Amino acid sequence: MRSAIALILLMSASVAVLGPASAQRAPTTGSASAAATPPAATPAPAPSAIPGPSAAVTPPKCTNPNALGVSRTVEIDTAGGPGFGGEHFKQHDFLRNKEVVLTFDDGPWPTTTAVLKALADECVRATFFPIGKHATYYPEILKAMHEAGHTIGSHTWSHKNLESIKDPAEAKAEIEKGISAVSMSAGVPIAPFFRFPALRHPPALVTYVGERNLGIFSTDMDSFDFKMRKPEQVVNAVMTKLKKFGKGIVLMHDFQTATSQAVPDLLAQLKAEGYKIVHMRARDPVKPLAEYDEMVKKEQKLPTVSTRPTSSVIRTVE
């Protein structure tokens, strides 16, 4: 593992480089959060092949008798591209009163590690929508996410606002390269769950995503955590909206430092106020397209023969 000092520097760099540019709703004409360059000490590894048709994993046994946990798990059939999240899609409201789905965008990033720990401490599972480029920077974090039993979807290759892309082929490549990069970096098939950057849904691409049998995820309540610098602000934003609406799919960003620090307190408040966590999983995984797999491999600017994890290459000796 990286040393604690390196991790702090990485987290600080992520905020300094991106800041509000990773905003879920901020219109962009180019890369948003994915414009961030990975820290120099973290070379992008060559993607690996995806094994097997199934990525089922048994989450670690919960050892916390007072954990918030998961109250129920729902399986979603994404054939035809159904939409979820009342802000844009009202047809499929599957949550009961005081039920919450936690979703996180824009990872994996060093901040994601703290989010995963907080979720593990409370035996909670969430759904993550990683950016393709970020997945190639931190495949080890993505693998840890999978091993903890979380559901992994995709969030394009570089977080471009797809409404701003005039070339249909380029827009399609943003979607497909994201799927390929996340799948290859995770090393397992991922869920056919997709979230549009900035929650912008160009009609032609909604049709395309439906033809690819990807579930489209909006949100019931956006935390707007990208505007916040203090964890208590994030907690307050989420709890205030939950009290207003009573239930919902919550959108946060594991890429944001304040959010990574807020998750323990957020889970504590959810538990104290009687909310229940619902975990989503897909009936079938998404199948990446070979031509985009090849595009992602070519994006790796510094190929290396070694595929060893950083923890086996570098260790703190003093």
C-alpha atoms as a PDB file:
ATOM      1  CA  MET A   1       0.000   0.000   0.000  1.00  0.00           C
ATOM      2  CA  ARG A   2       1.084   3.572  -0.511  1.00  0.00           C
ATOM      3  CA  SER A   3       2.327   5.302   2.562  1.00  0.00           C
ATOM      4  CA  ALA A   4      -0.030   7.515   4.515  1.00  0.00           C
ATOM      5  CA  ILE A   5       1.849  10.620   3.448  1.00  0.00           C
ATOM      6  CA  ALA A   6       1.565   9.725  -0.224  1.00  0.00           C
ATOM      7  CA  LEU A   7      -2.134   9.101   0.167  1.00  0.00           C
ATOM      8  CA  ILE A   8      -2.707  12.511   1.751  1.00  0.00           C
ATOM      9  CA  LEU A   9      -0.800  14.179  -1.057  1.00  0.00           C
ATOM     10  CA  LEU A  10      -2.814  12.308  -3.673  1.00  0.00           C
ATOM     11  CA  MET A  11      -6.085  13.298  -2.062  1.00  0.00           C
ATOM     12  CA  SER A  12      -5.015  16.914  -1.866  1.00  0.00           C
ATOM     13  CA  ALA A  13      -3.940  16.862  -5.484  1.00  0.00           C
ATOM     14  CA  SER A  14      -7.282  15.508  -6.612  1.00  0.00           C
ATOM     15  CA  VAL A  15      -9.106  18.432  -5.048  1.00  0.00           C
ATOM     16  CA  ALA A  16      -6.639  21.019  -6.265  1.00  0.00           C
ATOM     17  CA  VAL A  17      -6.702  19.783  -9.852  1.00  0.00           C
ATOM     18  CA  LEU A  18     -10.392  19.247 -10.223  1.00  0.00           C
ATOM     19  CA  GLY A  19     -12.392  21.076  -7.595  1.00  0.00           C
ATOM     20  CA  PRO A  20     -15.768  22.122  -8.972  1.00  0.00           C
ATOM     21  CA  ALA A  21     -14.827  20.842 -12.450  1.00  0.00           C
ATOM     22  CA  SER A  22     -16.063  17.407 -11.421  1.00  0.00           C
ATOM     23  CA  ALA A  23     -19.517  18.788 -10.658  1.00  0.00           C
ATOM     24  CA  GLN A  24     -22.263  16.348 -11.499  1.00  0.00           C
ATOM     25  CA  ARG A  25     -24.301  19.065 -13.160  1.00  0.00           C
ATOM     26  CA  ALA A  26     -21.574  21.404 -14.360  1.00  0.00           C
ATOM     27  CA  PRO A  27     -21.714  21.685 -18.180  1.00  0.00           C
ATOM     28  CA  THR A  28     -18.439  20.790 -19.785  1.00  0.00           C
ATOM     29  CA  THR A  29     -16.976  21.150 -23.236  1.00  0.00           C
ATOM     30  CA  GLY A  30     -14.216  18.666 -22.621  1.00  0.00           C
ATOM     31  CA  SER A  31     -13.049  16.318 -19.921  1.00  0.00           C
ATOM     32  CA  ALA A  32     -14.406  17.052 -16.475  1.00  0.00           C
ATOM     33  CA  SER A  33     -13.094  15.076 -13.553  1.00  0.00           C
ATOM     34  CA  ALA A  34     -11.271  12.682 -15.848  1.00  0.00           C
ATOM     35  CA  ALA A  35      -9.086  15.548 -17.045  1.00  0.00           C
ATOM     36  CA  ALA A  36      -7.094  14.952 -13.896  1.00  0.00           C
ATOM     37  CA  THR A  37      -3.687  13.471 -14.517  1.00  0.00           C
ATOM     38  CA  PRO A  38      -2.805  10.503 -12.321  1.00  0.00           C
ATOM     39  CA  PRO A  39      -0.019  11.158  -9.814  1.00  0.00           C
ATOM     40  CA  ALA A  40       3.400  10.572 -11.333  1.00  0.00           C
ATOM     41  CA  ALA A  41       4.092   7.746  -8.890  1.00  0.00           C
ATOM     42  CA  THR A  42       1.135   5.767 -10.232  1.00  0.00           C
ATOM     43  CA  PRO A  43       1.737   4.500 -13.796  1.00  0.00           C
ATOM     44  CA  ALA A  44      -1.342   3.349 -15.650  1.00  0.00           C
ATOM     45  CA  PRO A  45      -1.170  -0.446 -15.899  1.00  0.00           C
ATOM     46  CA  ALA A  46      -2.031  -2.318 -19.066  1.00  0.00           C
ATOM     47  CA  PRO A  47      -5.620  -3.615 -18.918  1.00  0.00           C
ATOM     48  CA  SER A  48      -6.092  -7.322 -18.375  1.00  0.00           C
ATOM     49  CA  ALA A  49      -8.587  -9.694 -19.884  1.00  0.00           C
ATOM     50  CA  ILE A  50     -11.964 -10.225 -18.273  1.00  0.00           C
ATOM     51  CA  PRO A  51     -12.521 -13.768 -16.955  1.00  0.00           C
ATOM     52  CA  GLY A  52     -15.674 -15.800 -17.081  1.00  0.00           C
ATOM     53  CA  PRO A  53     -19.329 -14.958 -17.731  1.00  0.00           C
ATOM     54  CA  SER A  54     -20.198 -14.311 -14.091  1.00  0.00           C
ATOM     55  CA  ALA A  55     -18.788 -11.884 -11.542  1.00  0.00           C
ATOM     56  CA  ALA A  56     -20.792 -13.011  -8.527  1.00  0.00           C
ATOM     57  CA  VAL A  57     -18.995 -12.427  -5.257  1.00  0.00           C
ATOM     58  CA  THR A  58     -19.914 -13.233  -1.680  1.00  0.00           C
ATOM     59  CA  PRO A  59     -19.450 -10.127   0.476  1.00  0.00           C
ATOM     60  CA  PRO A  60     -17.302 -10.515   3.590  1.00  0.00           C
ATOM     61  CA  LYS A  61     -19.219 -11.721   6.625  1.00  0.00           C
ATOM     62  CA  CYS A  62     -20.488  -8.862   8.758  1.00  0.00           C
ATOM     63  CA  THR A  63     -18.853  -8.915  12.178  1.00  0.00           C
ATOM     64  CA  ASN A  64     -20.524  -5.770  13.509  1.00  0.00           C
ATOM     65  CA  PRO A  65     -23.669  -6.832  15.418  1.00  0.00           C
ATOM     66  CA  ASN A  66     -24.936  -3.243  15.427  1.00  0.00           C
ATOM     67  CA  ALA A  67     -24.224  -2.519  11.769  1.00  0.00           C
ATOM     68  CA  LEU A  68     -26.626  -0.621   9.559  1.00  0.00           C
ATOM     69  CA  GLY A  69     -26.270  -3.397   6.992  1.00  0.00           C
ATOM     70  CA  VAL A  70     -28.406  -4.027   3.914  1.00  0.00           C
ATOM     71  CA  SER A  71     -32.120  -4.524   4.472  1.00  0.00           C
ATOM     72  CA  ARG A  72     -32.805  -6.030   1.058  1.00  0.00           C
ATOM     73  CA  THR A  73     -31.167  -6.592  -2.317  1.00  0.00           C
ATOM     74  CA  VAL A  74     -32.977  -6.016  -5.605  1.00  0.00           C
ATOM     75  CA  GLU A  75     -32.022  -7.568  -8.933  1.00  0.00           C
ATOM     76  CA  ILE A  76     -32.519  -5.379 -11.988  1.00  0.00           C
ATOM     77  CA  ASP A  77     -33.195  -6.584 -15.524  1.00  0.00           C
ATOM     78  CA  THR A  78     -31.793  -3.843 -17.761  1.00  0.00           C
ATOM     79  CA  ALA A  79     -33.129  -5.206 -21.077  1.00  0.00           C
ATOM     80  CA  GLY A  80     -34.373  -2.311 -23.198  1.00  0.00           C
ATOM     81  CA  GLY A  81     -32.623   0.357 -21.129  1.00  0.00           C
ATOM     82  CA  PRO A  82     -34.992   1.169 -18.239  1.00  0.00           C
ATOM     83  CA  GLY A  83     -34.376   4.411 -16.367  1.00  0.00           C
ATOM     84  CA  PHE A  84     -34.199   4.871 -12.596  1.00  0.00           C
ATOM     85  CA  GLY A  85     -34.223   7.932 -10.369  1.00  0.00           C
ATOM     86  CA  GLY A  86     -37.240  10.186 -10.109  1.00  0.00           C
ATOM     87  CA  GLU A  87     -35.455  13.338 -11.179  1.00  0.00           C
ATOM     88  CA  HIS A  88     -35.643  12.081 -14.771  1.00  0.00           C
ATOM     89  CA  PHE A  89     -37.297   8.644 -14.752  1.00  0.00           C
ATOM     90  CA  LYS A  90     -40.455   8.068 -12.741  1.00  0.00           C
ATOM     91  CA  GLN A  91     -41.668   4.750 -14.119  1.00  0.00           C
ATOM     92  CA  HIS A  92     -39.680   2.375 -11.907  1.00  0.00           C
ATOM     93  CA  ASP A  93     -39.955   3.477  -8.287  1.00  0.00           C
ATOM     94  CA  PHE A  94     -38.975   0.347  -6.364  1.00  0.00           C
ATOM     95  CA  LEU A  95     -38.169   1.855  -2.973  1.00  0.00           C
ATOM     96  CA  ARG A  96     -40.394   1.739   0.090  1.00  0.00           C
ATOM     97  CA  ASN A  97     -40.638   4.478   2.675  1.00  0.00           C
ATOM     98  CA  LYS A  98     -37.308   5.163   4.441  1.00  0.00           C
ATOM     99  CA  GLU A  99     -35.347   3.004   1.991  1.00  0.00           C
ATOM    100  CA  VAL A 100     -32.125   4.411   0.555  1.00  0.00           C
ATOM    101  CA  VAL A 101     -29.819   3.430  -2.301  1.00  0.00           C
ATOM    102  CA  LEU A 102     -26.321   4.888  -2.010  1.00  0.00           C
ATOM    103  CA  THR A 103     -24.529   5.638  -5.282  1.00  0.00           C
ATOM    104  CA  PHE A 104     -21.089   7.156  -5.850  1.00  0.00           C
ATOM    105  CA  ASP A 105     -19.682   8.696  -9.043  1.00  0.00           C
ATOM    106  CA  ASP A 106     -16.292   9.611 -10.517  1.00  0.00           C
ATOM    107  CA  GLY A 107     -13.955   7.146  -8.819  1.00  0.00           C
ATOM    108  CA  PRO A 108     -11.898   5.200  -8.330  1.00  0.00           C
ATOM    109  CA  TRP A 109      -9.592   7.675  -6.627  1.00  0.00           C
ATOM    110  CA  PRO A 110      -7.486   7.512  -3.439  1.00  0.00           C
ATOM    111  CA  THR A 111     -10.453   9.021  -1.586  1.00  0.00           C
ATOM    112  CA  THR A 112     -12.494   5.952  -2.546  1.00  0.00           C
ATOM    113  CA  THR A 113     -10.522   3.858  -0.049  1.00  0.00           C
ATOM    114  CA  ALA A 114     -12.017   5.774   2.887  1.00  0.00           C
ATOM    115  CA  VAL A 115     -15.507   5.361   1.432  1.00  0.00           C
ATOM    116  CA  LEU A 116     -15.021   1.604   1.113  1.00  0.00           C
ATOM    117  CA  LYS A 117     -13.796   1.334   4.693  1.00  0.00           C
ATOM    118  CA  ALA A 118     -16.752   3.282   6.067  1.00  0.00           C
ATOM    119  CA  LEU A 119     -19.190   1.122   4.125  1.00  0.00           C
ATOM    120  CA  ALA A 120     -17.432  -2.058   5.274  1.00  0.00           C
ATOM    121  CA  ASP A 121     -17.530  -0.966   8.920  1.00  0.00           C
ATOM    122  CA  GLU A 122     -21.327  -0.761   8.680  1.00  0.00           C
ATOM    123  CA  CYS A 123     -21.705  -3.790   6.367  1.00  0.00           C
ATOM    124  CA  VAL A 124     -23.328  -1.570   3.737  1.00  0.00           C
ATOM    125  CA  ARG A 125     -23.130  -2.130  -0.017  1.00  0.00           C
ATOM    126  CA  ALA A 126     -23.447   0.618  -2.591  1.00  0.00           C
ATOM    127  CA  THR A 127     -23.375   1.151  -6.354  1.00  0.00           C
ATOM    128  CA  PHE A 128     -20.390   2.880  -7.947  1.00  0.00           C
ATOM    129  CA  PHE A 129     -20.226   4.585 -11.337  1.00  0.00           C
ATOM    130  CA  PRO A 130     -16.482   4.865 -12.107  1.00  0.00           C
ATOM    131  CA  ILE A 131     -14.908   6.938 -14.861  1.00  0.00           C
ATOM    132  CA  GLY A 132     -12.963   4.838 -17.354  1.00  0.00           C
ATOM    133  CA  LYS A 133      -9.719   6.795 -17.147  1.00  0.00           C
ATOM    134  CA  HIS A 134      -9.771   6.736 -13.361  1.00  0.00           C
ATOM    135  CA  ALA A 135     -10.306   2.979 -13.479  1.00  0.00           C
ATOM    136  CA  THR A 136      -7.058   2.562 -15.413  1.00  0.00           C
ATOM    137  CA  TYR A 137      -5.224   4.676 -12.840  1.00  0.00           C
ATOM    138  CA  TYR A 138      -6.403   2.696  -9.790  1.00  0.00           C
ATOM    139  CA  PRO A 139      -7.415  -0.847 -10.753  1.00  0.00           C
ATOM    140  CA  GLU A 140      -6.486  -2.115  -7.286  1.00  0.00           C
ATOM    141  CA  ILE A 141      -9.150   0.123  -5.725  1.00  0.00           C
ATOM    142  CA  LEU A 142     -11.690  -1.084  -8.265  1.00  0.00           C
ATOM    143  CA  LYS A 143     -10.859  -4.700  -7.441  1.00  0.00           C
ATOM    144  CA  ALA A 144     -11.291  -3.990  -3.722  1.00  0.00           C
ATOM    145  CA  MET A 145     -14.670  -2.461  -4.504  1.00  0.00           C
ATOM    146  CA  HIS A 146     -15.758  -5.644  -6.259  1.00  0.00           C
ATOM    147  CA  GLU A 147     -14.395  -7.942  -3.547  1.00  0.00           C
ATOM    148  CA  ALA A 148     -16.397  -6.025  -0.939  1.00  0.00           C
ATOM    149  CA  GLY A 149     -19.592  -6.911  -2.787  1.00  0.00           C
ATOM    150  CA  HIS A 150     -20.423  -3.504  -4.232  1.00  0.00           C
ATOM    151  CA  THR A 151     -22.045  -3.117  -7.630  1.00  0.00           C
ATOM    152  CA  ILE A 152     -19.909  -1.491 -10.321  1.00  0.00           C
ATOM    153  CA  GLY A 153     -21.402   0.316 -13.307  1.00  0.00           C
ATOM    154  CA  SER A 154     -19.816   2.925 -15.619  1.00  0.00           C
ATOM    155  CA  HIS A 155     -19.779   6.693 -16.150  1.00  0.00           C
ATOM    156  CA  THR A 156     -18.087   7.206 -19.574  1.00  0.00           C
ATOM    157  CA  TRP A 157     -14.413   7.251 -20.455  1.00  0.00           C
ATOM    158  CA  SER A 158     -13.547  10.841 -19.505  1.00  0.00           C
ATOM    159  CA  HIS A 159     -16.685  12.448 -18.038  1.00  0.00           C
ATOM    160  CA  LYS A 160     -17.380  14.655 -21.050  1.00  0.00           C
ATOM    161  CA  ASN A 161     -20.791  16.245 -21.277  1.00  0.00           C
ATOM    162  CA  LEU A 162     -22.241  14.071 -24.036  1.00  0.00           C
ATOM    163  CA  GLU A 163     -24.598  16.850 -25.125  1.00  0.00           C
ATOM    164  CA  SER A 164     -21.565  18.865 -26.230  1.00  0.00           C
ATOM    165  CA  ILE A 165     -20.204  16.139 -28.532  1.00  0.00           C
ATOM    166  CA  LYS A 166     -21.417  16.657 -32.092  1.00  0.00           C
ATOM    167  CA  ASP A 167     -19.917  13.512 -33.600  1.00  0.00           C
ATOM    168  CA  PRO A 168     -22.162  10.511 -32.786  1.00  0.00           C
ATOM    169  CA  ALA A 169     -19.217   8.122 -33.111  1.00  0.00           C
ATOM    170  CA  GLU A 170     -17.205  10.084 -30.557  1.00  0.00           C
ATOM    171  CA  ALA A 171     -20.112  10.167 -28.123  1.00  0.00           C
ATOM    172  CA  LYS A 172     -20.635   6.435 -28.538  1.00  0.00           C
ATOM    173  CA  ALA A 173     -16.922   5.843 -27.926  1.00  0.00           C
ATOM    174  CA  GLU A 174     -17.136   7.814 -24.647  1.00  0.00           C
ATOM    175  CA  ILE A 175     -19.778   5.380 -23.409  1.00  0.00           C
ATOM    176  CA  GLU A 176     -18.180   2.205 -24.730  1.00  0.00           C
ATOM    177  CA  LYS A 177     -14.592   2.998 -23.758  1.00  0.00           C
ATOM    178  CA  GLY A 178     -15.838   3.673 -20.260  1.00  0.00           C
ATOM    179  CA  ILE A 179     -17.432   0.237 -20.108  1.00  0.00           C
ATOM    180  CA  SER A 180     -14.301  -1.411 -21.519  1.00  0.00           C
ATOM    181  CA  ALA A 181     -11.894   0.406 -19.212  1.00  0.00           C
ATOM    182  CA  VAL A 182     -13.857  -0.281 -16.037  1.00  0.00           C
ATOM    183  CA  SER A 183     -14.394  -3.927 -16.994  1.00  0.00           C
ATOM    184  CA  MET A 184     -10.734  -4.535 -17.835  1.00  0.00           C
ATOM    185  CA  SER A 185      -9.449  -2.714 -14.767  1.00  0.00           C
ATOM    186  CA  ALA A 186     -11.826  -4.525 -12.435  1.00  0.00           C
ATOM    187  CA  GLY A 187     -10.884  -7.826 -14.025  1.00  0.00           C
ATOM    188  CA  VAL A 188     -14.483  -9.032 -13.814  1.00  0.00           C
ATOM    189  CA  PRO A 189     -17.703  -8.380 -15.739  1.00  0.00           C
ATOM    190  CA  ILE A 190     -19.474  -5.288 -14.451  1.00  0.00           C
ATOM    191  CA  ALA A 191     -23.135  -4.349 -14.200  1.00  0.00           C
ATOM    192  CA  PRO A 192     -24.962  -2.858 -17.198  1.00  0.00           C
ATOM    193  CA  PHE A 193     -25.645   0.235 -15.093  1.00  0.00           C
ATOM    194  CA  PHE A 194     -24.812   3.601 -16.666  1.00  0.00           C
ATOM    195  CA  ARG A 195     -25.012   7.184 -15.452  1.00  0.00           C
ATOM    196  CA  PHE A 196     -24.701  10.097 -17.883  1.00  0.00           C
ATOM    197  CA  PRO A 197     -22.178  12.791 -16.857  1.00  0.00           C
ATOM    198  CA  ALA A 198     -23.861  15.880 -15.409  1.00  0.00           C
ATOM    199  CA  LEU A 199     -27.148  13.967 -15.697  1.00  0.00           C
ATOM    200  CA  ARG A 200     -27.429  15.188 -19.292  1.00  0.00           C
ATOM    201  CA  HIS A 201     -29.400  12.704 -21.394  1.00  0.00           C
ATOM    202  CA  PRO A 202     -29.186  13.388 -25.166  1.00  0.00           C
ATOM    203  CA  PRO A 203     -32.184  11.573 -26.734  1.00  0.00           C
ATOM    204  CA  ALA A 204     -30.146   9.814 -29.421  1.00  0.00           C
ATOM    205  CA  LEU A 205     -27.756   8.432 -26.800  1.00  0.00           C
ATOM    206  CA  VAL A 206     -30.605   7.386 -24.522  1.00  0.00           C
ATOM    207  CA  THR A 207     -31.833   5.331 -27.482  1.00  0.00           C
ATOM    208  CA  TYR A 208     -28.364   3.889 -28.028  1.00  0.00           C
ATOM    209  CA  VAL A 209     -27.920   2.993 -24.367  1.00  0.00           C
ATOM    210  CA  GLY A 210     -31.319   1.289 -24.450  1.00  0.00           C
ATOM    211  CA  GLU A 211     -30.275  -0.740 -27.482  1.00  0.00           C
ATOM    212  CA  ARG A 212     -27.200  -1.827 -25.517  1.00  0.00           C
ATOM    213  CA  ASN A 213     -29.516  -2.956 -22.698  1.00  0.00           C
ATOM    214  CA  LEU A 214     -27.911  -0.625 -20.153  1.00  0.00           C
ATOM    215  CA  GLY A 215     -29.957   0.611 -17.230  1.00  0.00           C
ATOM    216  CA  ILE A 216     -29.856   4.420 -17.047  1.00  0.00           C
ATOM    217  CA  PHE A 217     -29.441   5.833 -13.557  1.00  0.00           C
ATOM    218  CA  SER A 218     -30.385   9.370 -12.629  1.00  0.00           C
ATOM    219  CA  THR A 219     -31.104  10.163  -8.977  1.00  0.00           C
ATOM    220  CA  ASP A 220     -33.912  10.978  -6.580  1.00  0.00           C
ATOM    221  CA  MET A 221     -31.699  13.411  -4.690  1.00  0.00           C
ATOM    222  CA  ASP A 222     -28.359  14.913  -5.643  1.00  0.00           C
ATOM    223  CA  SER A 223     -26.148  15.769  -2.695  1.00  0.00           C
ATOM    224  CA  PHE A 224     -24.301  18.451  -4.699  1.00  0.00           C
ATOM    225  CA  ASP A 225     -21.303  17.398  -2.624  1.00  0.00           C
ATOM    226  CA  PHE A 226     -18.923  18.763  -5.253  1.00  0.00           C
ATOM    227  CA  LYS A 227     -19.826  22.224  -3.946  1.00  0.00           C
ATOM    228  CA  MET A 228     -18.887  21.343  -0.370  1.00  0.00           C
ATOM    229  CA  ARG A 229     -15.594  21.330   1.477  1.00  0.00           C
ATOM    230  CA  LYS A 230     -16.719  20.094   4.892  1.00  0.00           C
ATOM    231  CA  PRO A 231     -18.042  16.598   5.607  1.00  0.00           C
ATOM    232  CA  GLU A 232     -20.806  17.903   7.862  1.00  0.00           C
ATOM    233  CA  GLN A 233     -22.173  19.858   4.904  1.00  0.00           C
ATOM    234  CA  VAL A 234     -22.464  16.658   2.898  1.00  0.00           C
ATOM    235  CA  VAL A 235     -24.228  14.830   5.720  1.00  0.00           C
ATOM    236  CA  ASN A 236     -26.646  17.688   6.240  1.00  0.00           C
ATOM    237  CA  ALA A 237     -27.423  17.944   2.527  1.00  0.00           C
ATOM    238  CA  VAL A 238     -28.294  14.255   2.231  1.00  0.00           C
ATOM    239  CA  MET A 239     -30.271  13.989   5.473  1.00  0.00           C
ATOM    240  CA  THR A 240     -32.261  17.156   4.759  1.00  0.00           C
ATOM    241  CA  LYS A 241     -33.384  15.820   1.397  1.00  0.00           C
ATOM    242  CA  LEU A 242     -34.153  12.383   2.789  1.00  0.00           C
ATOM    243  CA  LYS A 243     -36.363  13.914   5.468  1.00  0.00           C
ATOM    244  CA  LYS A 244     -38.186  15.823   2.736  1.00  0.00           C
ATOM    245  CA  PHE A 245     -38.673  12.940   0.290  1.00  0.00           C
ATOM    246  CA  GLY A 246     -38.700  10.000   2.702  1.00  0.00           C
ATOM    247  CA  LYS A 247     -36.653   7.667   0.504  1.00  0.00           C
ATOM    248  CA  GLY A 248     -34.544   7.645  -2.614  1.00  0.00           C
ATOM    249  CA  ILE A 249     -31.482   6.977  -4.732  1.00  0.00           C
ATOM    250  CA  VAL A 250     -28.777   9.286  -3.394  1.00  0.00           C
ATOM    251  CA  LEU A 251     -26.021  10.628  -5.660  1.00  0.00           C
ATOM    252  CA  MET A 252     -22.609  11.362  -4.145  1.00  0.00           C
ATOM    253  CA  HIS A 253     -19.020  11.372  -5.406  1.00  0.00           C
ATOM    254  CA  ASP A 254     -16.341   9.131  -3.900  1.00  0.00           C
ATOM    255  CA  PHE A 255     -13.908  11.384  -5.768  1.00  0.00           C
ATOM    256  CA  GLN A 256     -14.655  14.248  -3.370  1.00  0.00           C
ATOM    257  CA  THR A 257     -12.582  14.504  -0.190  1.00  0.00           C
ATOM    258  CA  ALA A 258     -15.425  15.927   1.919  1.00  0.00           C
ATOM    259  CA  THR A 259     -17.668  13.054   0.889  1.00  0.00           C
ATOM    260  CA  SER A 260     -15.054  10.429   1.709  1.00  0.00           C
ATOM    261  CA  GLN A 261     -14.831  11.936   5.191  1.00  0.00           C
ATOM    262  CA  ALA A 262     -18.608  12.266   5.557  1.00  0.00           C
ATOM    263  CA  VAL A 263     -19.653   8.663   4.942  1.00  0.00           C
ATOM    264  CA  PRO A 264     -19.128   7.349   8.525  1.00  0.00           C
ATOM    265  CA  ASP A 265     -21.299  10.091  10.038  1.00  0.00           C
ATOM    266  CA  LEU A 266     -23.859   9.775   7.250  1.00  0.00           C
ATOM    267  CA  LEU A 267     -24.265   6.055   7.891  1.00  0.00           C
ATOM    268  CA  ALA A 268     -24.543   6.690  11.640  1.00  0.00           C
ATOM    269  CA  GLN A 269     -27.341   9.187  11.087  1.00  0.00           C
ATOM    270  CA  LEU A 270     -29.150   6.921   8.639  1.00  0.00           C
ATOM    271  CA  LYS A 271     -29.067   4.153  11.257  1.00  0.00           C
ATOM    272  CA  ALA A 272     -30.127   6.435  14.096  1.00  0.00           C
ATOM    273  CA  GLU A 273     -33.124   7.716  12.161  1.00  0.00           C
ATOM    274  CA  GLY A 274     -34.350   4.325  10.992  1.00  0.00           C
ATOM    275  CA  TYR A 275     -33.442   4.380   7.314  1.00  0.00           C
ATOM    276  CA  LYS A 276     -32.827   1.081   5.521  1.00  0.00           C
ATOM    277  CA  ILE A 277     -30.223   0.412   2.837  1.00  0.00           C
ATOM    278  CA  VAL A 278     -31.223  -1.275  -0.411  1.00  0.00           C
ATOM    279  CA  HIS A 279     -28.506  -2.759  -2.600  1.00  0.00           C
ATOM    280  CA  MET A 280     -28.949  -3.005  -6.381  1.00  0.00           C
ATOM    281  CA  ARG A 281     -27.408  -5.700  -8.505  1.00  0.00           C
ATOM    282  CA  ALA A 282     -27.867  -6.632 -12.161  1.00  0.00           C
ATOM    283  CA  ARG A 283     -29.454  -9.787 -13.499  1.00  0.00           C
ATOM    284  CA  ASP A 284     -26.770 -10.050 -16.197  1.00  0.00           C
ATOM    285  CA  PRO A 285     -23.378  -8.357 -16.717  1.00  0.00           C
ATOM    286  CA  VAL A 286     -22.622  -6.019 -19.605  1.00  0.00           C
ATOM    287  CA  LYS A 287     -20.475  -7.346 -22.438  1.00  0.00           C
ATOM    288  CA  PRO A 288     -17.805  -4.871 -23.573  1.00  0.00           C
ATOM    289  CA  LEU A 289     -17.250  -4.485 -27.313  1.00  0.00           C
ATOM    290  CA  ALA A 290     -13.882  -5.694 -28.631  1.00  0.00           C
ATOM    291  CA  GLU A 291     -13.158  -2.638 -30.773  1.00  0.00           C
ATOM    292  CA  TYR A 292     -13.385  -0.361 -27.738  1.00  0.00           C
ATOM    293  CA  ASP A 293     -11.291  -2.723 -25.646  1.00  0.00           C
ATOM    294  CA  GLU A 294      -8.562  -2.174 -28.245  1.00  0.00           C
ATOM    295  CA  MET A 295      -9.034   1.603 -28.112  1.00  0.00           C
ATOM    296  CA  VAL A 296      -8.554   1.572 -24.347  1.00  0.00           C
ATOM    297  CA  LYS A 297      -5.387  -0.494 -24.623  1.00  0.00           C
ATOM    298  CA  LYS A 298      -3.966   2.028 -27.096  1.00  0.00           C
ATOM    299  CA  GLU A 299      -4.704   4.846 -24.649  1.00  0.00           C
ATOM    300  CA  GLN A 300      -2.115   3.430 -22.261  1.00  0.00           C
ATOM    301  CA  LYS A 301       0.771   5.783 -23.030  1.00  0.00           C
ATOM    302  CA  LEU A 302       3.388   4.054 -20.901  1.00  0.00           C
ATOM    303  CA  PRO A 303       2.925   0.307 -21.361  1.00  0.00           C
ATOM    304  CA  THR A 304       4.883  -1.917 -19.030  1.00  0.00           C
ATOM    305  CA  VAL A 305       5.504  -5.631 -18.833  1.00  0.00           C
ATOM    306  CA  SER A 306       5.061  -5.680 -15.066  1.00  0.00           C
ATOM    307  CA  THR A 307       1.544  -6.070 -13.678  1.00  0.00           C
ATOM    308  CA  ARG A 308       2.610  -6.259 -10.029  1.00  0.00           C
ATOM    309  CA  PRO A 309       0.586  -4.143  -7.605  1.00  0.00           C
ATOM    310  CA  THR A 310       2.254  -1.027  -6.197  1.00  0.00           C
ATOM    311  CA  SER A 311       2.309  -2.576  -2.718  1.00  0.00           C
ATOM    312  CA  SER A 312       4.694  -5.287  -3.954  1.00  0.00           C
ATOM    313  CA  VAL A 313       6.941  -2.829  -5.796  1.00  0.00           C
ATOM    314  CA  ILE A 314       7.316  -0.100  -3.152  1.00  0.00           C
ATOM    315  CA  ARG A 315       7.431  -0.384   0.633  1.00  0.00           C
ATOM    316  CA  THR A 316       8.218   2.006   3.446  1.00  0.00           C
ATOM    317  CA  VAL A 317      11.480   1.049   5.130  1.00  0.00           C
ATOM    318  CA  GLU A 318      12.042   4.003   7.473  1.00  0.00           C
END
